[in-house]
Amino acid sequence: MLIEYIEEALRRAKYEIIDDEEPYYGEIKELKGVWATGRTLEECRKNLREVVEGWILLSIKKGLPIPKLGKFEIKEMKKIVV
């Protein structure tokens, strides 16, 4: 489900060209603070994927909420003791 969540996040990304050394800028507004740049659109997309992955891991570690994106969500699994 993690891969599907990341793919959904990237489908929601908005890209623009900015006046910078790395002119391609992408962000995912539903995920607060998630943005990246790149020299090409493909590099920007790759960098944005890495930022999303890191954002998810940090959110889990800190116990921060991770918003549902469409039908995709990341939830903590309860441990089952047998």
PDB file of N, CA and C in Angstrom:
ATOM      1  N   MET A   1       0.813  -1.191   0.000  1.00  0.00           N
ATOM      2  CA  MET A   1       0.000   0.000   0.000  1.00  0.00           C
ATOM      3  C   MET A   1       0.864   1.265   0.000  1.00  0.00           C
ATOM      4  N   LEU A   2       2.087   1.155   0.488  1.00  0.00           N
ATOM      5  CA  LEU A   2       2.979   2.308   0.550  1.00  0.00           C
ATOM      6  C   LEU A   2       3.313   2.822  -0.850  1.00  0.00           C
ATOM      7  N   ILE A   3       3.610   1.913  -1.757  1.00  0.00           N
ATOM      8  CA  ILE A   3       3.949   2.312  -3.125  1.00  0.00           C
ATOM      9  C   ILE A   3       2.766   3.004  -3.784  1.00  0.00           C
ATOM     10  N   GLU A   4       1.569   2.466  -3.581  1.00  0.00           N
ATOM     11  CA  GLU A   4       0.370   3.069  -4.159  1.00  0.00           C
ATOM     12  C   GLU A   4       0.135   4.474  -3.594  1.00  0.00           C
ATOM     13  N   TYR A   5       0.390   4.659  -2.299  1.00  0.00           N
ATOM     14  CA  TYR A   5       0.223   5.971  -1.671  1.00  0.00           C
ATOM     15  C   TYR A   5       1.199   6.979  -2.298  1.00  0.00           C
ATOM     16  N   ILE A   6       2.446   6.564  -2.460  1.00  0.00           N
ATOM     17  CA  ILE A   6       3.456   7.453  -3.051  1.00  0.00           C
ATOM     18  C   ILE A   6       3.083   7.797  -4.492  1.00  0.00           C
ATOM     19  N   GLU A   7       2.636   6.806  -5.258  1.00  0.00           N
ATOM     20  CA  GLU A   7       2.228   7.065  -6.645  1.00  0.00           C
ATOM     21  C   GLU A   7       1.049   8.029  -6.704  1.00  0.00           C
ATOM     22  N   GLU A   8       0.093   7.878  -5.782  1.00  0.00           N
ATOM     23  CA  GLU A   8      -1.047   8.799  -5.742  1.00  0.00           C
ATOM     24  C   GLU A   8      -0.579  10.203  -5.392  1.00  0.00           C
ATOM     25  N   ALA A   9       0.352  10.308  -4.454  1.00  0.00           N
ATOM     26  CA  ALA A   9       0.895  11.621  -4.090  1.00  0.00           C
ATOM     27  C   ALA A   9       1.546  12.279  -5.300  1.00  0.00           C
ATOM     28  N   LEU A  10       2.317  11.514  -6.065  1.00  0.00           N
ATOM     29  CA  LEU A  10       2.996  12.066  -7.243  1.00  0.00           C
ATOM     30  C   LEU A  10       2.002  12.450  -8.340  1.00  0.00           C
ATOM     31  N   ARG A  11       0.874  11.737  -8.427  1.00  0.00           N
ATOM     32  CA  ARG A  11      -0.158  12.124  -9.403  1.00  0.00           C
ATOM     33  C   ARG A  11      -0.763  13.483  -9.042  1.00  0.00           C
ATOM     34  N   ARG A  12      -0.736  13.831  -7.766  1.00  0.00           N
ATOM     35  CA  ARG A  12      -1.308  15.098  -7.304  1.00  0.00           C
ATOM     36  C   ARG A  12      -0.299  16.251  -7.356  1.00  0.00           C
ATOM     37  N   ALA A  13       0.936  15.954  -7.707  1.00  0.00           N
ATOM     38  CA  ALA A  13       1.987  16.977  -7.738  1.00  0.00           C
ATOM     39  C   ALA A  13       1.697  18.031  -8.798  1.00  0.00           C
ATOM     40  N   LYS A  14       2.055  19.244  -8.468  1.00  0.00           N
ATOM     41  CA  LYS A  14       1.962  20.363  -9.404  1.00  0.00           C
ATOM     42  C   LYS A  14       3.380  20.843  -9.679  1.00  0.00           C
ATOM     43  N   TYR A  15       3.699  21.040 -10.949  1.00  0.00           N
ATOM     44  CA  TYR A  15       5.042  21.438 -11.348  1.00  0.00           C
ATOM     45  C   TYR A  15       5.009  22.816 -12.002  1.00  0.00           C
ATOM     46  N   GLU A  16       6.091  23.536 -11.845  1.00  0.00           N
ATOM     47  CA  GLU A  16       6.240  24.818 -12.522  1.00  0.00           C
ATOM     48  C   GLU A  16       7.720  25.078 -12.773  1.00  0.00           C
ATOM     49  N   ILE A  17       7.991  26.018 -13.644  1.00  0.00           N
ATOM     50  CA  ILE A  17       9.368  26.408 -13.930  1.00  0.00           C
ATOM     51  C   ILE A  17       9.639  27.707 -13.182  1.00  0.00           C
ATOM     52  N   ILE A  18      10.750  27.714 -12.432  1.00  0.00           N
ATOM     53  CA  ILE A  18      11.128  28.886 -11.643  1.00  0.00           C
ATOM     54  C   ILE A  18      12.477  29.399 -12.126  1.00  0.00           C
ATOM     55  N   ASP A  19      12.822  30.601 -11.754  1.00  0.00           N
ATOM     56  CA  ASP A  19      14.106  31.201 -12.121  1.00  0.00           C
ATOM     57  C   ASP A  19      15.145  30.763 -11.099  1.00  0.00           C
ATOM     58  N   ASP A  20      15.805  29.640 -11.392  1.00  0.00           N
ATOM     59  CA  ASP A  20      16.747  29.050 -10.449  1.00  0.00           C
ATOM     60  C   ASP A  20      17.716  28.150 -11.214  1.00  0.00           C
ATOM     61  N   GLU A  21      18.803  27.770 -10.560  1.00  0.00           N
ATOM     62  CA  GLU A  21      19.764  26.833 -11.149  1.00  0.00           C
ATOM     63  C   GLU A  21      19.088  25.496 -11.458  1.00  0.00           C
ATOM     64  N   GLU A  22      18.154  25.094 -10.598  1.00  0.00           N
ATOM     65  CA  GLU A  22      17.319  23.917 -10.834  1.00  0.00           C
ATOM     66  C   GLU A  22      15.905  24.440 -11.100  1.00  0.00           C
ATOM     67  N   PRO A  23      15.584  24.694 -12.372  1.00  0.00           N
ATOM     68  CA  PRO A  23      14.364  25.436 -12.694  1.00  0.00           C
ATOM     69  C   PRO A  23      13.036  24.691 -12.536  1.00  0.00           C
ATOM     70  N   TYR A  24      13.074  23.376 -12.434  1.00  0.00           N
ATOM     71  CA  TYR A  24      11.819  22.636 -12.290  1.00  0.00           C
ATOM     72  C   TYR A  24      11.501  22.492 -10.805  1.00  0.00           C
ATOM     73  N   TYR A  25      10.297  22.922 -10.441  1.00  0.00           N
ATOM     74  CA  TYR A  25       9.848  22.910  -9.052  1.00  0.00           C
ATOM     75  C   TYR A  25       8.552  22.109  -8.986  1.00  0.00           C
ATOM     76  N   GLY A  26       8.472  21.219  -8.020  1.00  0.00           N
ATOM     77  CA  GLY A  26       7.253  20.436  -7.840  1.00  0.00           C
ATOM     78  C   GLY A  26       6.872  20.382  -6.375  1.00  0.00           C
ATOM     79  N   GLU A  27       5.570  20.374  -6.116  1.00  0.00           N
ATOM     80  CA  GLU A  27       5.095  20.256  -4.743  1.00  0.00           C
ATOM     81  C   GLU A  27       3.789  19.478  -4.711  1.00  0.00           C
ATOM     82  N   ILE A  28       3.506  18.953  -3.520  1.00  0.00           N
ATOM     83  CA  ILE A  28       2.268  18.232  -3.287  1.00  0.00           C
ATOM     84  C   ILE A  28       1.570  18.946  -2.141  1.00  0.00           C
ATOM     85  N   LYS A  29       0.582  19.745  -2.472  1.00  0.00           N
ATOM     86  CA  LYS A  29      -0.060  20.614  -1.488  1.00  0.00           C
ATOM     87  C   LYS A  29      -0.713  19.840  -0.344  1.00  0.00           C
ATOM     88  N   GLU A  30      -1.209  18.637  -0.613  1.00  0.00           N
ATOM     89  CA  GLU A  30      -1.857  17.839   0.440  1.00  0.00           C
ATOM     90  C   GLU A  30      -0.875  17.367   1.506  1.00  0.00           C
ATOM     91  N   LEU A  31       0.420  17.351   1.166  1.00  0.00           N
ATOM     92  CA  LEU A  31       1.456  16.903   2.107  1.00  0.00           C
ATOM     93  C   LEU A  31       2.287  18.124   2.486  1.00  0.00           C
ATOM     94  N   LYS A  32       1.990  18.678   3.633  1.00  0.00           N
ATOM     95  CA  LYS A  32       2.603  19.927   4.082  1.00  0.00           C
ATOM     96  C   LYS A  32       4.134  19.843   4.081  1.00  0.00           C
ATOM     97  N   GLY A  33       4.756  20.794   3.379  1.00  0.00           N
ATOM     98  CA  GLY A  33       6.211  20.886   3.342  1.00  0.00           C
ATOM     99  C   GLY A  33       6.889  19.996   2.324  1.00  0.00           C
ATOM    100  N   VAL A  34       6.120  19.307   1.492  1.00  0.00           N
ATOM    101  CA  VAL A  34       6.710  18.388   0.514  1.00  0.00           C
ATOM    102  C   VAL A  34       6.874  19.110  -0.828  1.00  0.00           C
ATOM    103  N   TRP A  35       8.135  19.365  -1.189  1.00  0.00           N
ATOM    104  CA  TRP A  35       8.478  19.995  -2.461  1.00  0.00           C
ATOM    105  C   TRP A  35       9.891  19.584  -2.854  1.00  0.00           C
ATOM    106  N   ALA A  36      10.214  19.765  -4.128  1.00  0.00           N
ATOM    107  CA  ALA A  36      11.552  19.431  -4.625  1.00  0.00           C
ATOM    108  C   ALA A  36      11.817  20.232  -5.899  1.00  0.00           C
ATOM    109  N   THR A  37      13.094  20.285  -6.279  1.00  0.00           N
ATOM    110  CA  THR A  37      13.499  20.930  -7.523  1.00  0.00           C
ATOM    111  C   THR A  37      14.375  19.969  -8.311  1.00  0.00           C
ATOM    112  N   GLY A  38      14.650  20.333  -9.552  1.00  0.00           N
ATOM    113  CA  GLY A  38      15.537  19.523 -10.379  1.00  0.00           C
ATOM    114  C   GLY A  38      15.935  20.282 -11.631  1.00  0.00           C
ATOM    115  N   ARG A  39      17.004  19.814 -12.273  1.00  0.00           N
ATOM    116  CA  ARG A  39      17.466  20.443 -13.523  1.00  0.00           C
ATOM    117  C   ARG A  39      16.544  20.074 -14.688  1.00  0.00           C
ATOM    118  N   THR A  40      15.882  18.932 -14.566  1.00  0.00           N
ATOM    119  CA  THR A  40      14.910  18.499 -15.575  1.00  0.00           C
ATOM    120  C   THR A  40      13.627  18.111 -14.842  1.00  0.00           C
ATOM    121  N   LEU A  41      12.550  17.972 -15.585  1.00  0.00           N
ATOM    122  CA  LEU A  41      11.292  17.549 -14.971  1.00  0.00           C
ATOM    123  C   LEU A  41      11.436  16.156 -14.368  1.00  0.00           C
ATOM    124  N   GLU A  42      12.115  15.270 -15.071  1.00  0.00           N
ATOM    125  CA  GLU A  42      12.298  13.902 -14.564  1.00  0.00           C
ATOM    126  C   GLU A  42      13.127  13.901 -13.275  1.00  0.00           C
ATOM    127  N   GLU A  43      14.166  14.720 -13.212  1.00  0.00           N
ATOM    128  CA  GLU A  43      14.975  14.811 -11.987  1.00  0.00           C
ATOM    129  C   GLU A  43      14.138  15.382 -10.839  1.00  0.00           C
ATOM    130  N   CYS A  44      13.325  16.360 -11.144  1.00  0.00           N
ATOM    131  CA  CYS A  44      12.455  16.953 -10.130  1.00  0.00           C
ATOM    132  C   CYS A  44      11.486  15.901  -9.600  1.00  0.00           C
ATOM    133  N   ARG A  45      10.911  15.129 -10.494  1.00  0.00           N
ATOM    134  CA  ARG A  45       9.972  14.071 -10.092  1.00  0.00           C
ATOM    135  C   ARG A  45      10.669  13.024  -9.221  1.00  0.00           C
ATOM    136  N   LYS A  46      11.889  12.632  -9.595  1.00  0.00           N
ATOM    137  CA  LYS A  46      12.658  11.661  -8.802  1.00  0.00           C
ATOM    138  C   LYS A  46      12.941  12.225  -7.411  1.00  0.00           C
ATOM    139  N   ASN A  47      13.364  13.491  -7.368  1.00  0.00           N
ATOM    140  CA  ASN A  47      13.652  14.131  -6.087  1.00  0.00           C
ATOM    141  C   ASN A  47      12.392  14.248  -5.232  1.00  0.00           C
ATOM    142  N   LEU A  48      11.272  14.541  -5.871  1.00  0.00           N
ATOM    143  CA  LEU A  48      10.010  14.665  -5.148  1.00  0.00           C
ATOM    144  C   LEU A  48       9.601  13.321  -4.559  1.00  0.00           C
ATOM    145  N   ARG A  49       9.807  12.239  -5.294  1.00  0.00           N
ATOM    146  CA  ARG A  49       9.513  10.891  -4.771  1.00  0.00           C
ATOM    147  C   ARG A  49      10.333  10.632  -3.502  1.00  0.00           C
ATOM    148  N   GLU A  50      11.615  10.977  -3.533  1.00  0.00           N
ATOM    149  CA  GLU A  50      12.478  10.778  -2.364  1.00  0.00           C
ATOM    150  C   GLU A  50      12.013  11.617  -1.178  1.00  0.00           C
ATOM    151  N   VAL A  51      11.566  12.837  -1.456  1.00  0.00           N
ATOM    152  CA  VAL A  51      11.069  13.702  -0.383  1.00  0.00           C
ATOM    153  C   VAL A  51       9.799  13.103   0.220  1.00  0.00           C
ATOM    154  N   VAL A  52       8.902  12.599  -0.615  1.00  0.00           N
ATOM    155  CA  VAL A  52       7.667  11.972  -0.114  1.00  0.00           C
ATOM    156  C   VAL A  52       8.015  10.786   0.778  1.00  0.00           C
ATOM    157  N   GLU A  53       8.934   9.940   0.333  1.00  0.00           N
ATOM    158  CA  GLU A  53       9.329   8.774   1.124  1.00  0.00           C
ATOM    159  C   GLU A  53       9.881   9.203   2.487  1.00  0.00           C
ATOM    160  N   GLY A  54      10.769  10.184   2.489  1.00  0.00           N
ATOM    161  CA  GLY A  54      11.339  10.677   3.740  1.00  0.00           C
ATOM    162  C   GLY A  54      10.292  11.321   4.631  1.00  0.00           C
ATOM    163  N   TRP A  55       9.373  12.054   4.028  1.00  0.00           N
ATOM    164  CA  TRP A  55       8.293  12.717   4.769  1.00  0.00           C
ATOM    165  C   TRP A  55       7.413  11.680   5.471  1.00  0.00           C
ATOM    166  N   ILE A  56       7.100  10.593   4.773  1.00  0.00           N
ATOM    167  CA  ILE A  56       6.287   9.524   5.360  1.00  0.00           C
ATOM    168  C   ILE A  56       7.024   8.900   6.543  1.00  0.00           C
ATOM    169  N   LEU A  57       8.293   8.558   6.354  1.00  0.00           N
ATOM    170  CA  LEU A  57       9.067   7.931   7.430  1.00  0.00           C
ATOM    171  C   LEU A  57       9.171   8.843   8.653  1.00  0.00           C
ATOM    172  N   LEU A  58       9.439  10.114   8.424  1.00  0.00           N
ATOM    173  CA  LEU A  58       9.542  11.065   9.523  1.00  0.00           C
ATOM    174  C   LEU A  58       8.199  11.236  10.226  1.00  0.00           C
ATOM    175  N   SER A  59       7.129  11.301   9.459  1.00  0.00           N
ATOM    176  CA  SER A  59       5.794  11.428  10.045  1.00  0.00           C
ATOM    177  C   SER A  59       5.462  10.226  10.919  1.00  0.00           C
ATOM    178  N   ILE A  60       5.801   9.025  10.456  1.00  0.00           N
ATOM    179  CA  ILE A  60       5.558   7.819  11.246  1.00  0.00           C
ATOM    180  C   ILE A  60       6.390   7.854  12.521  1.00  0.00           C
ATOM    181  N   LYS A  61       7.667   8.182  12.394  1.00  0.00           N
ATOM    182  CA  LYS A  61       8.563   8.212  13.553  1.00  0.00           C
ATOM    183  C   LYS A  61       8.091   9.202  14.615  1.00  0.00           C
ATOM    184  N   LYS A  62       7.598  10.363  14.171  1.00  0.00           N
ATOM    185  CA  LYS A  62       7.173  11.407  15.108  1.00  0.00           C
ATOM    186  C   LYS A  62       5.698  11.283  15.498  1.00  0.00           C
ATOM    187  N   GLY A  63       4.997  10.315  14.935  1.00  0.00           N
ATOM    188  CA  GLY A  63       3.587  10.132  15.251  1.00  0.00           C
ATOM    189  C   GLY A  63       2.696  11.224  14.692  1.00  0.00           C
ATOM    190  N   LEU A  64       3.127  11.829  13.572  1.00  0.00           N
ATOM    191  CA  LEU A  64       2.356  12.895  12.943  1.00  0.00           C
ATOM    192  C   LEU A  64       1.300  12.301  12.007  1.00  0.00           C
ATOM    193  N   PRO A  65       0.184  13.003  11.834  1.00  0.00           N
ATOM    194  CA  PRO A  65      -0.854  12.467  10.945  1.00  0.00           C
ATOM    195  C   PRO A  65      -0.406  12.465   9.486  1.00  0.00           C
ATOM    196  N   ILE A  66      -0.817  11.443   8.772  1.00  0.00           N
ATOM    197  CA  ILE A  66      -0.544  11.329   7.340  1.00  0.00           C
ATOM    198  C   ILE A  66      -1.899  11.346   6.652  1.00  0.00           C
ATOM    199  N   PRO A  67      -2.161  12.375   5.845  1.00  0.00           N
ATOM    200  CA  PRO A  67      -3.498  12.482   5.253  1.00  0.00           C
ATOM    201  C   PRO A  67      -3.800  11.377   4.253  1.00  0.00           C
ATOM    202  N   LYS A  68      -5.052  11.016   4.197  1.00  0.00           N
ATOM    203  CA  LYS A  68      -5.534  10.068   3.209  1.00  0.00           C
ATOM    204  C   LYS A  68      -5.521  10.770   1.852  1.00  0.00           C
ATOM    205  N   LEU A  69      -5.067  10.078   0.831  1.00  0.00           N
ATOM    206  CA  LEU A  69      -5.061  10.618  -0.530  1.00  0.00           C
ATOM    207  C   LEU A  69      -5.979   9.740  -1.372  1.00  0.00           C
ATOM    208  N   GLY A  70      -7.174  10.241  -1.641  1.00  0.00           N
ATOM    209  CA  GLY A  70      -8.144   9.424  -2.375  1.00  0.00           C
ATOM    210  C   GLY A  70      -8.474   8.201  -1.557  1.00  0.00           C
ATOM    211  N   LYS A  71      -8.303   7.025  -2.134  1.00  0.00           N
ATOM    212  CA  LYS A  71      -8.591   5.781  -1.412  1.00  0.00           C
ATOM    213  C   LYS A  71      -7.359   5.222  -0.690  1.00  0.00           C
ATOM    214  N   PHE A  72      -6.245   5.948  -0.736  1.00  0.00           N
ATOM    215  CA  PHE A  72      -5.007   5.451  -0.152  1.00  0.00           C
ATOM    216  C   PHE A  72      -4.703   6.140   1.177  1.00  0.00           C
ATOM    217  N   GLU A  73      -4.332   5.333   2.169  1.00  0.00           N
ATOM    218  CA  GLU A  73      -3.930   5.884   3.450  1.00  0.00           C
ATOM    219  C   GLU A  73      -2.898   4.977   4.095  1.00  0.00           C
ATOM    220  N   ILE A  74      -2.129   5.583   4.982  1.00  0.00           N
ATOM    221  CA  ILE A  74      -1.106   4.849   5.718  1.00  0.00           C
ATOM    222  C   ILE A  74      -1.520   4.874   7.174  1.00  0.00           C
ATOM    223  N   LYS A  75      -1.713   3.688   7.734  1.00  0.00           N
ATOM    224  CA  LYS A  75      -2.134   3.591   9.131  1.00  0.00           C
ATOM    225  C   LYS A  75      -1.190   2.666   9.871  1.00  0.00           C
ATOM    226  N   GLU A  76      -1.078   2.928  11.152  1.00  0.00           N
ATOM    227  CA  GLU A  76      -0.260   2.065  11.997  1.00  0.00           C
ATOM    228  C   GLU A  76      -0.979   0.744  12.177  1.00  0.00           C
ATOM    229  N   MET A  77      -0.230  -0.337  12.036  1.00  0.00           N
ATOM    230  CA  MET A  77      -0.818  -1.653  12.243  1.00  0.00           C
ATOM    231  C   MET A  77      -0.657  -2.039  13.707  1.00  0.00           C
ATOM    232  N   LYS A  78      -1.676  -2.609  14.255  1.00  0.00           N
ATOM    233  CA  LYS A  78      -1.630  -3.066  15.643  1.00  0.00           C
ATOM    234  C   LYS A  78      -0.882  -4.394  15.699  1.00  0.00           C
ATOM    235  N   LYS A  79      -0.068  -4.536  16.736  1.00  0.00           N
ATOM    236  CA  LYS A  79       0.655  -5.794  16.933  1.00  0.00           C
ATOM    237  C   LYS A  79      -0.302  -6.838  17.471  1.00  0.00           C
ATOM    238  N   ILE A  80      -0.226  -8.011  16.907  1.00  0.00           N
ATOM    239  CA  ILE A  80      -1.042  -9.129  17.389  1.00  0.00           C
ATOM    240  C   ILE A  80      -0.108 -10.083  18.126  1.00  0.00           C
ATOM    241  N   VAL A  81      -0.420 -10.288  19.392  1.00  0.00           N
ATOM    242  CA  VAL A  81       0.388 -11.192  20.210  1.00  0.00           C
ATOM    243  C   VAL A  81      -0.306 -12.534  20.264  1.00  0.00           C
ATOM    244  N   VAL A  82       0.433 -13.574  19.897  1.00  0.00           N
ATOM    245  CA  VAL A  82      -0.137 -14.921  19.875  1.00  0.00           C
ATOM    246  C   VAL A  82       0.483 -15.753  20.962  1.00  0.00           C
TER     247      VAL A  82
END
